[in-house]
């Protein structure tokens, strides 16, 4: 097989991202927030660069693969997002070193984060209750999924305050048809939906 085709030029994107995202933060600053942002920017770029996949196409008479051309493709957006979410959920807390250039993990027996790990220095505020200072509206009255066990589930999203079931009836477009040219006509249908809302 041979390399060919037009692979995704991840190196170009990597360098442009570095110039764009890191430029402001680099100008001689060495505060902890700058160091964390630079580290996390690099982790995001690596989530794409290190997981490029190889795709190939066969060439030959009647489906035989006498010649195979391969190229590199970027990972799917969803894969990158899932990988970063996993890193976010396992992010390491750090503090600045005395030299202003290093980051030290907080806690005993914690290995230093590698280049792909995400890091932070401040704990997140409590988003369960409304807080004008942080801009959080809280989760009271928020829609949740009563059967989910993940972050969208009522148990977690409602911050252990419980939830209520509510039936709502509303109108929405339905039975839409396209008429030449160029009109879409719909009927109005009444829809009944069960909602779960946080207390």
N, C-alpha and C. Protein backbone atom coordinates (compact mmCIF):
# COMPACT_ATOMS: atom_id res chain seq x y z
N UNK A 1 0.84 -1.18 0.00
CA UNK A 1 0.00 0.00 0.00
C UNK A 1 0.88 1.23 0.00
N UNK A 2 0.28 2.38 -0.32
CA UNK A 2 1.07 3.62 -0.34
C UNK A 2 0.25 4.75 0.27
N UNK A 3 0.99 5.73 0.82
CA UNK A 3 0.32 6.91 1.36
C UNK A 3 -0.10 7.78 0.20
N UNK A 4 -1.30 8.30 0.26
CA UNK A 4 -1.76 9.16 -0.82
C UNK A 4 -3.04 9.85 -0.41
N UNK A 5 -3.77 10.33 -1.38
CA UNK A 5 -5.00 11.04 -1.08
C UNK A 5 -4.69 12.34 -0.36
N UNK A 6 -5.71 12.97 0.11
CA UNK A 6 -5.52 14.22 0.85
C UNK A 6 -5.90 13.98 2.29
N UNK A 7 -4.94 13.66 3.10
CA UNK A 7 -5.20 13.46 4.52
C UNK A 7 -5.51 14.80 5.19
N UNK A 8 -6.17 14.75 6.34
CA UNK A 8 -6.44 15.96 7.10
C UNK A 8 -5.11 16.51 7.62
N UNK A 9 -4.85 17.76 7.36
CA UNK A 9 -3.57 18.37 7.74
C UNK A 9 -3.62 18.80 9.20
N UNK A 10 -3.50 17.83 10.09
CA UNK A 10 -3.63 18.11 11.52
C UNK A 10 -2.48 18.97 12.03
N UNK A 11 -1.31 18.85 11.43
CA UNK A 11 -0.16 19.66 11.88
C UNK A 11 -0.43 21.15 11.68
N UNK A 12 -1.03 21.49 10.53
CA UNK A 12 -1.36 22.89 10.25
C UNK A 12 -2.37 23.40 11.28
N UNK A 13 -3.42 22.61 11.51
CA UNK A 13 -4.44 22.99 12.49
C UNK A 13 -3.87 23.11 13.89
N UNK A 14 -2.98 22.19 14.22
CA UNK A 14 -2.33 22.18 15.54
C UNK A 14 -1.55 23.49 15.75
N UNK A 15 -0.74 23.87 14.75
CA UNK A 15 0.08 25.08 14.86
C UNK A 15 -0.79 26.34 14.88
N UNK A 16 -1.82 26.39 14.02
CA UNK A 16 -2.71 27.56 13.99
C UNK A 16 -3.44 27.71 15.32
N UNK A 17 -3.89 26.59 15.87
CA UNK A 17 -4.57 26.62 17.16
C UNK A 17 -3.64 27.15 18.25
N UNK A 18 -2.39 26.72 18.20
CA UNK A 18 -1.40 27.20 19.17
C UNK A 18 -1.23 28.72 19.06
N UNK A 19 -1.08 29.20 17.82
CA UNK A 19 -0.90 30.64 17.62
C UNK A 19 -2.12 31.43 18.10
N UNK A 20 -3.30 30.91 17.79
CA UNK A 20 -4.53 31.63 18.11
C UNK A 20 -4.88 31.55 19.60
N UNK A 21 -4.87 30.35 20.16
CA UNK A 21 -5.31 30.15 21.54
C UNK A 21 -4.27 30.55 22.59
N UNK A 22 -3.00 30.35 22.28
CA UNK A 22 -1.97 30.56 23.29
C UNK A 22 -1.29 31.92 23.22
N UNK A 23 -1.48 32.66 22.14
CA UNK A 23 -0.74 33.90 21.92
C UNK A 23 -0.90 34.90 23.06
N UNK A 24 -2.13 35.21 23.43
CA UNK A 24 -2.38 36.20 24.48
C UNK A 24 -1.79 35.76 25.81
N UNK A 25 -1.87 34.49 26.06
CA UNK A 25 -1.49 33.98 27.38
C UNK A 25 0.02 33.83 27.55
N UNK A 26 0.75 33.89 26.45
CA UNK A 26 2.18 33.62 26.53
C UNK A 26 3.03 34.82 26.86
N UNK A 27 2.53 36.00 26.60
CA UNK A 27 3.36 37.20 26.68
C UNK A 27 3.93 37.43 28.07
N UNK A 28 4.90 36.63 28.45
CA UNK A 28 5.64 36.84 29.69
C UNK A 28 4.86 36.60 30.97
N UNK A 29 3.66 36.06 30.89
CA UNK A 29 2.87 35.84 32.10
C UNK A 29 3.15 34.46 32.64
N UNK A 30 3.20 34.36 33.95
CA UNK A 30 3.45 33.04 34.55
C UNK A 30 2.54 32.81 35.75
N UNK A 31 1.36 33.43 35.76
CA UNK A 31 0.42 33.16 36.85
C UNK A 31 -0.21 31.79 36.65
N UNK A 32 -0.80 31.25 37.69
CA UNK A 32 -1.32 29.87 37.65
C UNK A 32 -2.41 29.70 36.60
N UNK A 33 -3.29 30.70 36.46
CA UNK A 33 -4.38 30.58 35.48
C UNK A 33 -3.83 30.47 34.06
N UNK A 34 -2.81 31.25 33.75
CA UNK A 34 -2.17 31.19 32.43
C UNK A 34 -1.56 29.81 32.20
N UNK A 35 -0.84 29.30 33.20
CA UNK A 35 -0.21 27.98 33.06
C UNK A 35 -1.26 26.89 32.87
N UNK A 36 -2.36 26.98 33.60
CA UNK A 36 -3.43 25.98 33.47
C UNK A 36 -4.08 26.07 32.09
N UNK A 37 -4.36 27.28 31.63
CA UNK A 37 -4.97 27.43 30.30
C UNK A 37 -4.06 26.90 29.20
N UNK A 38 -2.77 27.19 29.28
CA UNK A 38 -1.83 26.68 28.28
C UNK A 38 -1.79 25.16 28.30
N UNK A 39 -1.77 24.58 29.50
CA UNK A 39 -1.75 23.11 29.63
C UNK A 39 -3.02 22.50 29.03
N UNK A 40 -4.19 23.05 29.40
CA UNK A 40 -5.47 22.50 28.93
C UNK A 40 -5.67 22.72 27.43
N UNK A 41 -5.17 23.83 26.89
CA UNK A 41 -5.21 24.04 25.44
C UNK A 41 -4.45 22.93 24.72
N UNK A 42 -3.27 22.62 25.25
CA UNK A 42 -2.44 21.56 24.64
C UNK A 42 -3.14 20.20 24.75
N UNK A 43 -3.77 19.93 25.89
CA UNK A 43 -4.50 18.67 26.06
C UNK A 43 -5.62 18.55 25.02
N UNK A 44 -6.30 19.65 24.73
CA UNK A 44 -7.35 19.65 23.72
C UNK A 44 -6.80 19.37 22.33
N UNK A 45 -5.68 19.99 22.01
CA UNK A 45 -5.07 19.74 20.69
C UNK A 45 -4.63 18.28 20.57
N UNK A 46 -4.06 17.74 21.65
CA UNK A 46 -3.58 16.35 21.61
C UNK A 46 -4.74 15.36 21.50
N UNK A 47 -5.91 15.74 22.02
CA UNK A 47 -7.09 14.86 21.91
C UNK A 47 -7.46 14.64 20.45
N UNK A 48 -7.07 15.57 19.59
CA UNK A 48 -7.28 15.41 18.15
C UNK A 48 -6.06 14.76 17.51
N UNK A 49 -4.90 15.34 17.75
CA UNK A 49 -3.67 14.94 17.04
C UNK A 49 -3.27 13.48 17.30
N UNK A 50 -3.37 13.03 18.54
CA UNK A 50 -2.89 11.69 18.87
C UNK A 50 -3.85 10.58 18.46
N UNK A 51 -5.06 10.95 18.06
CA UNK A 51 -6.06 9.93 17.74
C UNK A 51 -6.50 10.00 16.29
N UNK A 52 -5.60 10.46 15.43
CA UNK A 52 -5.87 10.42 13.99
C UNK A 52 -6.05 8.96 13.59
N UNK A 53 -6.96 8.71 12.66
CA UNK A 53 -7.18 7.32 12.23
C UNK A 53 -6.77 7.16 10.77
N UNK A 54 -6.37 5.95 10.45
CA UNK A 54 -5.96 5.65 9.08
C UNK A 54 -7.15 5.11 8.31
N UNK A 55 -7.40 5.68 7.14
CA UNK A 55 -8.44 5.16 6.24
C UNK A 55 -7.77 4.78 4.94
N UNK A 56 -8.26 3.70 4.34
CA UNK A 56 -7.65 3.20 3.10
C UNK A 56 -8.73 2.92 2.05
N UNK A 57 -8.29 2.94 0.80
CA UNK A 57 -9.18 2.58 -0.30
C UNK A 57 -8.42 1.64 -1.22
N UNK A 58 -9.10 0.58 -1.65
CA UNK A 58 -8.47 -0.40 -2.55
C UNK A 58 -8.68 0.00 -4.01
N UNK A 59 -7.66 -0.29 -4.82
CA UNK A 59 -7.75 -0.05 -6.26
C UNK A 59 -7.36 -1.36 -6.96
N UNK A 60 -8.04 -1.68 -8.01
CA UNK A 60 -7.71 -2.88 -8.77
C UNK A 60 -8.90 -3.34 -9.58
N UNK A 61 -8.65 -4.28 -10.47
CA UNK A 61 -9.72 -4.79 -11.32
C UNK A 61 -10.72 -5.59 -10.52
N UNK A 62 -11.99 -5.38 -10.81
CA UNK A 62 -13.12 -6.09 -10.22
C UNK A 62 -12.97 -6.32 -8.71
N UNK A 63 -12.64 -5.25 -8.01
CA UNK A 63 -12.61 -5.32 -6.55
C UNK A 63 -11.36 -5.88 -5.94
N UNK A 64 -10.39 -6.32 -6.75
CA UNK A 64 -9.15 -6.84 -6.16
C UNK A 64 -8.39 -5.66 -5.56
N UNK A 65 -7.59 -5.95 -4.56
CA UNK A 65 -6.89 -4.88 -3.85
C UNK A 65 -5.42 -4.92 -4.22
N UNK A 66 -5.13 -4.73 -5.51
CA UNK A 66 -3.73 -4.78 -5.94
C UNK A 66 -2.97 -3.55 -5.45
N UNK A 67 -3.67 -2.45 -5.28
CA UNK A 67 -3.04 -1.25 -4.74
C UNK A 67 -3.98 -0.64 -3.71
N UNK A 68 -3.42 -0.28 -2.59
CA UNK A 68 -4.23 0.32 -1.54
C UNK A 68 -3.64 1.69 -1.21
N UNK A 69 -4.48 2.71 -1.24
CA UNK A 69 -4.05 4.06 -0.89
C UNK A 69 -4.61 4.39 0.48
N UNK A 70 -3.75 4.90 1.36
CA UNK A 70 -4.17 5.21 2.73
C UNK A 70 -3.88 6.67 3.06
N UNK A 71 -4.65 7.21 3.97
CA UNK A 71 -4.46 8.59 4.42
C UNK A 71 -4.92 8.69 5.87
N UNK A 72 -4.54 9.78 6.51
CA UNK A 72 -4.92 10.02 7.90
C UNK A 72 -6.15 10.92 7.95
N UNK A 73 -7.08 10.58 8.85
CA UNK A 73 -8.28 11.38 9.04
C UNK A 73 -8.40 11.76 10.50
N UNK A 74 -9.00 12.91 10.72
CA UNK A 74 -9.22 13.34 12.10
C UNK A 74 -10.24 12.43 12.76
N UNK A 75 -10.15 12.27 14.08
CA UNK A 75 -11.17 11.49 14.78
C UNK A 75 -12.51 12.22 14.70
N UNK A 76 -13.60 11.48 14.86
CA UNK A 76 -14.92 12.10 14.83
C UNK A 76 -15.05 13.08 16.00
N UNK A 77 -15.80 14.14 15.78
CA UNK A 77 -15.99 15.18 16.79
C UNK A 77 -16.51 14.58 18.09
N UNK A 78 -17.44 13.64 18.00
CA UNK A 78 -18.01 13.00 19.18
C UNK A 78 -16.94 12.26 19.98
N UNK A 79 -16.03 11.56 19.28
CA UNK A 79 -14.94 10.84 19.97
C UNK A 79 -14.05 11.81 20.74
N UNK A 80 -13.72 12.93 20.12
CA UNK A 80 -12.88 13.93 20.79
C UNK A 80 -13.60 14.46 22.02
N UNK A 81 -14.88 14.79 21.86
CA UNK A 81 -15.67 15.30 22.98
C UNK A 81 -15.77 14.30 24.12
N UNK A 82 -16.02 13.03 23.78
CA UNK A 82 -16.12 11.99 24.82
C UNK A 82 -14.79 11.83 25.55
N UNK A 83 -13.70 11.87 24.80
CA UNK A 83 -12.37 11.72 25.40
C UNK A 83 -12.08 12.88 26.35
N UNK A 84 -12.43 14.10 25.93
CA UNK A 84 -12.20 15.27 26.78
C UNK A 84 -13.11 15.27 28.00
N UNK A 85 -14.35 14.78 27.83
CA UNK A 85 -15.25 14.69 28.98
C UNK A 85 -14.69 13.72 30.02
N UNK A 86 -14.16 12.61 29.55
CA UNK A 86 -13.53 11.64 30.45
C UNK A 86 -12.37 12.28 31.21
N UNK A 87 -11.56 13.05 30.50
CA UNK A 87 -10.43 13.75 31.13
C UNK A 87 -10.94 14.82 32.11
N UNK A 88 -12.03 15.49 31.74
CA UNK A 88 -12.61 16.52 32.61
C UNK A 88 -13.08 15.89 33.92
N UNK A 89 -13.77 14.75 33.80
CA UNK A 89 -14.27 14.08 35.01
C UNK A 89 -13.15 13.58 35.90
N UNK A 90 -11.97 13.34 35.34
CA UNK A 90 -10.83 12.88 36.13
C UNK A 90 -9.75 13.95 36.26
N UNK A 91 -10.14 15.23 36.13
CA UNK A 91 -9.16 16.32 36.15
C UNK A 91 -8.41 16.38 37.48
N UNK A 92 -7.16 16.83 37.42
CA UNK A 92 -6.30 16.92 38.61
C UNK A 92 -6.26 18.35 39.12
N UNK A 93 -6.36 18.49 40.43
CA UNK A 93 -6.22 19.81 41.05
C UNK A 93 -4.74 20.10 41.21
N UNK A 94 -4.33 21.32 40.86
CA UNK A 94 -2.92 21.71 40.96
C UNK A 94 -2.79 23.06 41.66
N UNK A 95 -1.57 23.32 42.11
CA UNK A 95 -1.24 24.65 42.63
C UNK A 95 0.06 25.08 41.97
N UNK A 96 0.30 26.37 41.97
CA UNK A 96 1.51 26.89 41.34
C UNK A 96 2.74 26.62 42.18
N UNK A 97 3.84 26.30 41.51
CA UNK A 97 5.11 26.13 42.20
C UNK A 97 5.72 27.48 42.55
N UNK A 98 6.70 27.48 43.42
CA UNK A 98 7.34 28.73 43.86
C UNK A 98 8.03 29.48 42.73
N UNK A 99 8.45 28.75 41.71
CA UNK A 99 9.17 29.40 40.61
C UNK A 99 8.24 30.11 39.63
N UNK A 100 6.91 29.92 39.78
CA UNK A 100 5.95 30.56 38.89
C UNK A 100 5.84 29.93 37.53
N UNK A 101 6.55 28.82 37.32
CA UNK A 101 6.54 28.17 36.01
C UNK A 101 6.09 26.72 36.05
N UNK A 102 5.95 26.18 37.25
CA UNK A 102 5.56 24.77 37.36
C UNK A 102 4.23 24.64 38.08
N UNK A 103 3.58 23.52 37.83
CA UNK A 103 2.31 23.19 38.49
C UNK A 103 2.52 21.94 39.31
N UNK A 104 2.04 21.96 40.55
CA UNK A 104 2.24 20.84 41.47
C UNK A 104 0.88 20.24 41.80
N UNK A 105 0.72 18.90 41.67
CA UNK A 105 -0.57 18.29 42.01
C UNK A 105 -0.87 18.44 43.50
N UNK A 106 -2.14 18.67 43.82
CA UNK A 106 -2.57 18.81 45.21
C UNK A 106 -3.02 17.45 45.71
N UNK A 107 -2.52 17.04 46.87
CA UNK A 107 -2.90 15.76 47.47
C UNK A 107 -1.70 14.84 47.58
N UNK A 108 -1.87 13.83 48.41
CA UNK A 108 -0.79 12.88 48.64
C UNK A 108 -0.78 11.80 47.57
N UNK A 109 0.39 11.33 47.24
CA UNK A 109 0.57 10.22 46.29
C UNK A 109 -0.14 10.43 44.97
N UNK A 110 -0.19 11.66 44.51
CA UNK A 110 -0.84 11.93 43.23
C UNK A 110 0.24 12.17 42.20
N UNK A 111 0.13 11.41 41.11
CA UNK A 111 1.14 11.55 40.05
C UNK A 111 0.92 12.88 39.32
N UNK A 112 2.00 13.47 38.85
CA UNK A 112 1.84 14.72 38.08
C UNK A 112 1.00 14.46 36.83
N UNK A 113 0.13 15.40 36.47
CA UNK A 113 -0.69 15.20 35.27
C UNK A 113 0.18 15.15 34.03
N UNK A 114 -0.19 14.27 33.08
CA UNK A 114 0.57 14.25 31.83
C UNK A 114 -0.06 15.25 30.86
N UNK A 115 0.49 15.35 29.66
CA UNK A 115 0.07 16.38 28.71
C UNK A 115 -1.38 16.24 28.26
N UNK A 116 -1.94 15.02 28.37
CA UNK A 116 -3.31 14.81 27.92
C UNK A 116 -4.33 15.03 29.03
N UNK A 117 -3.88 15.12 30.29
CA UNK A 117 -4.79 15.32 31.41
C UNK A 117 -5.25 16.76 31.48
N UNK A 118 -6.48 16.96 31.95
CA UNK A 118 -6.96 18.32 32.21
C UNK A 118 -6.70 18.65 33.67
N UNK A 119 -6.47 19.92 33.94
CA UNK A 119 -6.13 20.35 35.30
C UNK A 119 -6.95 21.58 35.69
N UNK A 120 -7.03 21.84 37.00
CA UNK A 120 -7.73 23.02 37.52
C UNK A 120 -7.09 23.44 38.84
N UNK A 121 -7.40 24.65 39.29
CA UNK A 121 -6.86 25.11 40.57
C UNK A 121 -7.95 25.48 41.56
N UNK A 122 -9.11 25.92 41.08
CA UNK A 122 -10.20 26.33 41.97
C UNK A 122 -11.34 25.34 41.86
N UNK A 123 -11.96 25.05 43.01
CA UNK A 123 -13.14 24.18 43.01
C UNK A 123 -14.29 24.90 42.31
N UNK A 124 -15.16 24.14 41.66
CA UNK A 124 -16.33 24.73 41.02
C UNK A 124 -17.29 25.23 42.09
N UNK A 125 -18.00 26.32 41.80
CA UNK A 125 -19.02 26.78 42.75
C UNK A 125 -20.17 25.78 42.78
N UNK A 126 -21.02 25.88 43.79
CA UNK A 126 -22.18 25.00 43.91
C UNK A 126 -23.26 25.52 42.95
N UNK A 127 -23.55 24.74 41.92
CA UNK A 127 -24.53 25.16 40.93
C UNK A 127 -25.95 24.72 41.28
N UNK A 128 -26.13 24.07 42.42
CA UNK A 128 -27.47 23.60 42.80
C UNK A 128 -28.40 24.77 43.12
N UNK A 129 -27.86 25.78 43.79
CA UNK A 129 -28.67 26.93 44.19
C UNK A 129 -28.34 28.14 43.32
N UNK A 130 -29.34 28.99 43.16
CA UNK A 130 -29.12 30.21 42.37
C UNK A 130 -28.06 31.08 43.04
N UNK A 131 -27.20 31.69 42.24
CA UNK A 131 -26.13 32.53 42.78
C UNK A 131 -25.84 33.63 41.76
N UNK A 132 -26.25 34.86 42.09
CA UNK A 132 -26.05 35.98 41.16
C UNK A 132 -24.57 36.23 40.87
N UNK A 133 -23.75 36.05 41.89
CA UNK A 133 -22.32 36.33 41.75
C UNK A 133 -21.68 35.46 40.66
N UNK A 134 -22.05 34.17 40.63
CA UNK A 134 -21.47 33.26 39.64
C UNK A 134 -22.31 33.19 38.36
N UNK A 135 -23.52 33.76 38.41
CA UNK A 135 -24.39 33.71 37.24
C UNK A 135 -25.18 32.41 37.14
N UNK A 136 -25.14 31.60 38.20
CA UNK A 136 -25.85 30.32 38.20
C UNK A 136 -27.33 30.53 38.52
N UNK A 137 -28.20 29.93 37.73
CA UNK A 137 -29.64 30.00 37.98
C UNK A 137 -30.10 28.88 38.90
N UNK A 138 -29.18 27.97 39.25
CA UNK A 138 -29.56 26.82 40.07
C UNK A 138 -30.29 25.78 39.26
N UNK A 139 -30.77 24.73 39.91
CA UNK A 139 -31.46 23.67 39.18
C UNK A 139 -32.93 23.57 39.54
N UNK A 140 -33.43 24.46 40.39
CA UNK A 140 -34.85 24.46 40.76
C UNK A 140 -35.69 24.71 39.51
N UNK A 141 -36.68 23.84 39.26
CA UNK A 141 -37.56 23.99 38.09
C UNK A 141 -36.96 23.47 36.79
N UNK A 142 -35.76 22.92 36.88
CA UNK A 142 -35.07 22.43 35.68
C UNK A 142 -35.63 21.07 35.26
N UNK A 143 -35.74 20.85 33.94
CA UNK A 143 -36.19 19.55 33.43
C UNK A 143 -35.10 18.52 33.64
N UNK A 144 -35.49 17.31 34.02
CA UNK A 144 -34.52 16.24 34.21
C UNK A 144 -35.10 14.93 33.68
N UNK A 145 -34.27 13.91 33.63
CA UNK A 145 -34.68 12.60 33.13
C UNK A 145 -34.82 11.66 34.32
N UNK A 146 -36.03 11.26 34.64
CA UNK A 146 -36.27 10.46 35.85
C UNK A 146 -35.72 9.04 35.75
N UNK A 147 -35.39 8.58 34.56
CA UNK A 147 -34.88 7.20 34.42
C UNK A 147 -33.37 7.15 34.20
N UNK A 148 -32.74 8.28 33.96
CA UNK A 148 -31.29 8.28 33.67
C UNK A 148 -30.47 8.23 34.95
N UNK A 149 -29.32 7.57 34.86
CA UNK A 149 -28.42 7.48 36.02
C UNK A 149 -27.22 8.41 35.84
N UNK A 150 -27.18 9.16 34.74
CA UNK A 150 -26.02 10.02 34.48
C UNK A 150 -26.32 11.45 34.94
N UNK A 151 -25.56 12.40 34.42
CA UNK A 151 -25.66 13.80 34.84
C UNK A 151 -27.03 14.40 34.53
N UNK A 152 -27.77 13.85 33.55
CA UNK A 152 -29.09 14.39 33.21
C UNK A 152 -30.19 13.80 34.09
N UNK A 153 -29.83 12.81 34.92
CA UNK A 153 -30.81 12.15 35.78
C UNK A 153 -31.28 13.05 36.91
N UNK A 154 -32.53 12.89 37.31
CA UNK A 154 -33.11 13.73 38.36
C UNK A 154 -32.36 13.60 39.69
N UNK A 155 -31.91 12.40 40.02
CA UNK A 155 -31.22 12.22 41.31
C UNK A 155 -30.01 13.14 41.42
N UNK A 156 -29.25 13.25 40.37
CA UNK A 156 -28.03 14.06 40.40
C UNK A 156 -28.33 15.54 40.11
N UNK A 157 -29.10 15.79 39.07
CA UNK A 157 -29.35 17.17 38.64
C UNK A 157 -30.14 17.97 39.67
N UNK A 158 -31.03 17.32 40.40
CA UNK A 158 -31.87 18.04 41.37
C UNK A 158 -31.19 18.17 42.73
N UNK A 159 -29.94 17.76 42.83
CA UNK A 159 -29.14 17.96 44.05
C UNK A 159 -29.82 17.39 45.29
N UNK A 160 -30.41 16.21 45.13
CA UNK A 160 -31.06 15.47 46.22
C UNK A 160 -32.26 16.20 46.82
N UNK A 161 -32.86 17.15 46.08
CA UNK A 161 -34.05 17.85 46.56
C UNK A 161 -35.32 17.17 46.06
N UNK A 162 -35.19 16.18 45.20
CA UNK A 162 -36.35 15.51 44.64
C UNK A 162 -36.87 16.23 43.40
N UNK A 163 -37.92 15.65 42.81
CA UNK A 163 -38.49 16.22 41.59
C UNK A 163 -39.97 15.90 41.54
N UNK A 164 -40.68 16.60 40.68
CA UNK A 164 -42.12 16.35 40.51
C UNK A 164 -42.40 16.01 39.06
N UNK A 165 -43.45 15.23 38.85
CA UNK A 165 -43.90 14.89 37.50
C UNK A 165 -45.00 15.87 37.12
N UNK A 166 -44.96 16.34 35.90
CA UNK A 166 -45.96 17.30 35.44
C UNK A 166 -46.35 16.95 34.01
N UNK A 167 -47.63 17.06 33.71
CA UNK A 167 -48.10 16.84 32.35
C UNK A 167 -48.35 18.19 31.70
N UNK A 168 -47.77 18.39 30.54
CA UNK A 168 -48.00 19.64 29.82
C UNK A 168 -48.63 19.32 28.47
N UNK A 169 -49.47 20.22 28.02
CA UNK A 169 -50.11 20.09 26.72
C UNK A 169 -49.75 21.33 25.91
N UNK A 170 -49.24 21.12 24.72
CA UNK A 170 -48.87 22.26 23.88
C UNK A 170 -49.12 21.93 22.42
N UNK A 171 -49.12 22.98 21.60
CA UNK A 171 -49.33 22.83 20.16
C UNK A 171 -47.99 22.77 19.45
N UNK A 172 -47.90 21.90 18.44
CA UNK A 172 -46.71 21.91 17.60
C UNK A 172 -47.10 21.58 16.16
N UNK A 173 -46.23 21.94 15.24
CA UNK A 173 -46.48 21.64 13.83
C UNK A 173 -46.40 20.14 13.60
N UNK A 174 -47.31 19.63 12.76
CA UNK A 174 -47.29 18.20 12.44
C UNK A 174 -47.86 18.00 11.03
N UNK A 175 -47.72 16.79 10.53
CA UNK A 175 -48.23 16.42 9.21
C UNK A 175 -47.86 17.47 8.16
N UNK A 176 -46.61 17.88 8.18
CA UNK A 176 -46.13 18.91 7.26
C UNK A 176 -45.98 18.35 5.85
N UNK A 177 -46.32 19.18 4.86
CA UNK A 177 -46.18 18.78 3.45
C UNK A 177 -45.55 19.92 2.67
N UNK A 178 -44.72 19.53 1.74
CA UNK A 178 -44.07 20.49 0.85
C UNK A 178 -44.93 20.64 -0.40
N UNK A 179 -45.25 21.89 -0.76
CA UNK A 179 -46.01 22.17 -1.98
C UNK A 179 -45.12 22.94 -2.94
N UNK A 180 -45.13 22.52 -4.20
CA UNK A 180 -44.28 23.16 -5.22
C UNK A 180 -44.84 24.53 -5.50
N UNK A 181 -44.04 25.48 -5.72
CA UNK A 181 -42.77 25.71 -5.09
C UNK A 181 -42.94 26.91 -4.22
N UNK A 182 -42.60 27.05 -3.21
CA UNK A 182 -41.68 26.53 -2.23
C UNK A 182 -42.31 26.76 -0.88
N UNK A 183 -43.37 26.10 -0.62
CA UNK A 183 -44.13 26.32 0.60
C UNK A 183 -44.26 25.01 1.37
N UNK A 184 -44.07 25.11 2.68
CA UNK A 184 -44.32 23.97 3.56
C UNK A 184 -45.55 24.31 4.38
N UNK A 185 -46.57 23.45 4.31
CA UNK A 185 -47.78 23.68 5.09
C UNK A 185 -47.91 22.59 6.13
N UNK A 186 -48.23 23.02 7.34
CA UNK A 186 -48.35 22.07 8.45
C UNK A 186 -49.70 22.24 9.12
N UNK A 187 -50.14 21.19 9.78
CA UNK A 187 -51.30 21.27 10.64
C UNK A 187 -50.79 21.49 12.05
N UNK A 188 -51.68 21.90 12.93
CA UNK A 188 -51.33 22.07 14.34
C UNK A 188 -51.88 20.88 15.11
N UNK A 189 -51.02 20.25 15.88
CA UNK A 189 -51.44 19.11 16.68
C UNK A 189 -51.22 19.42 18.15
N UNK A 190 -52.12 18.92 18.98
CA UNK A 190 -51.96 19.05 20.42
C UNK A 190 -51.09 17.88 20.89
N UNK A 191 -50.06 18.20 21.65
CA UNK A 191 -49.14 17.17 22.14
C UNK A 191 -49.18 17.18 23.66
N UNK A 192 -49.24 15.98 24.21
CA UNK A 192 -49.25 15.82 25.66
C UNK A 192 -47.92 15.19 26.05
N UNK A 193 -47.23 15.79 27.00
CA UNK A 193 -45.90 15.30 27.36
C UNK A 193 -45.74 15.27 28.87
N UNK A 194 -45.11 14.19 29.35
CA UNK A 194 -44.80 14.06 30.78
C UNK A 194 -43.42 14.65 31.02
N UNK A 195 -43.32 15.58 31.95
CA UNK A 195 -42.04 16.19 32.28
C UNK A 195 -41.67 15.91 33.73
N UNK A 196 -40.38 15.81 33.98
CA UNK A 196 -39.87 15.73 35.35
C UNK A 196 -39.14 17.03 35.62
N UNK A 197 -39.50 17.70 36.72
CA UNK A 197 -38.92 19.00 37.05
C UNK A 197 -38.36 18.99 38.47
N UNK A 198 -37.18 19.55 38.64
CA UNK A 198 -36.53 19.58 39.96
C UNK A 198 -37.30 20.46 40.93
N UNK A 199 -37.39 20.02 42.21
CA UNK A 199 -37.95 20.86 43.29
C UNK A 199 -36.97 21.95 43.62
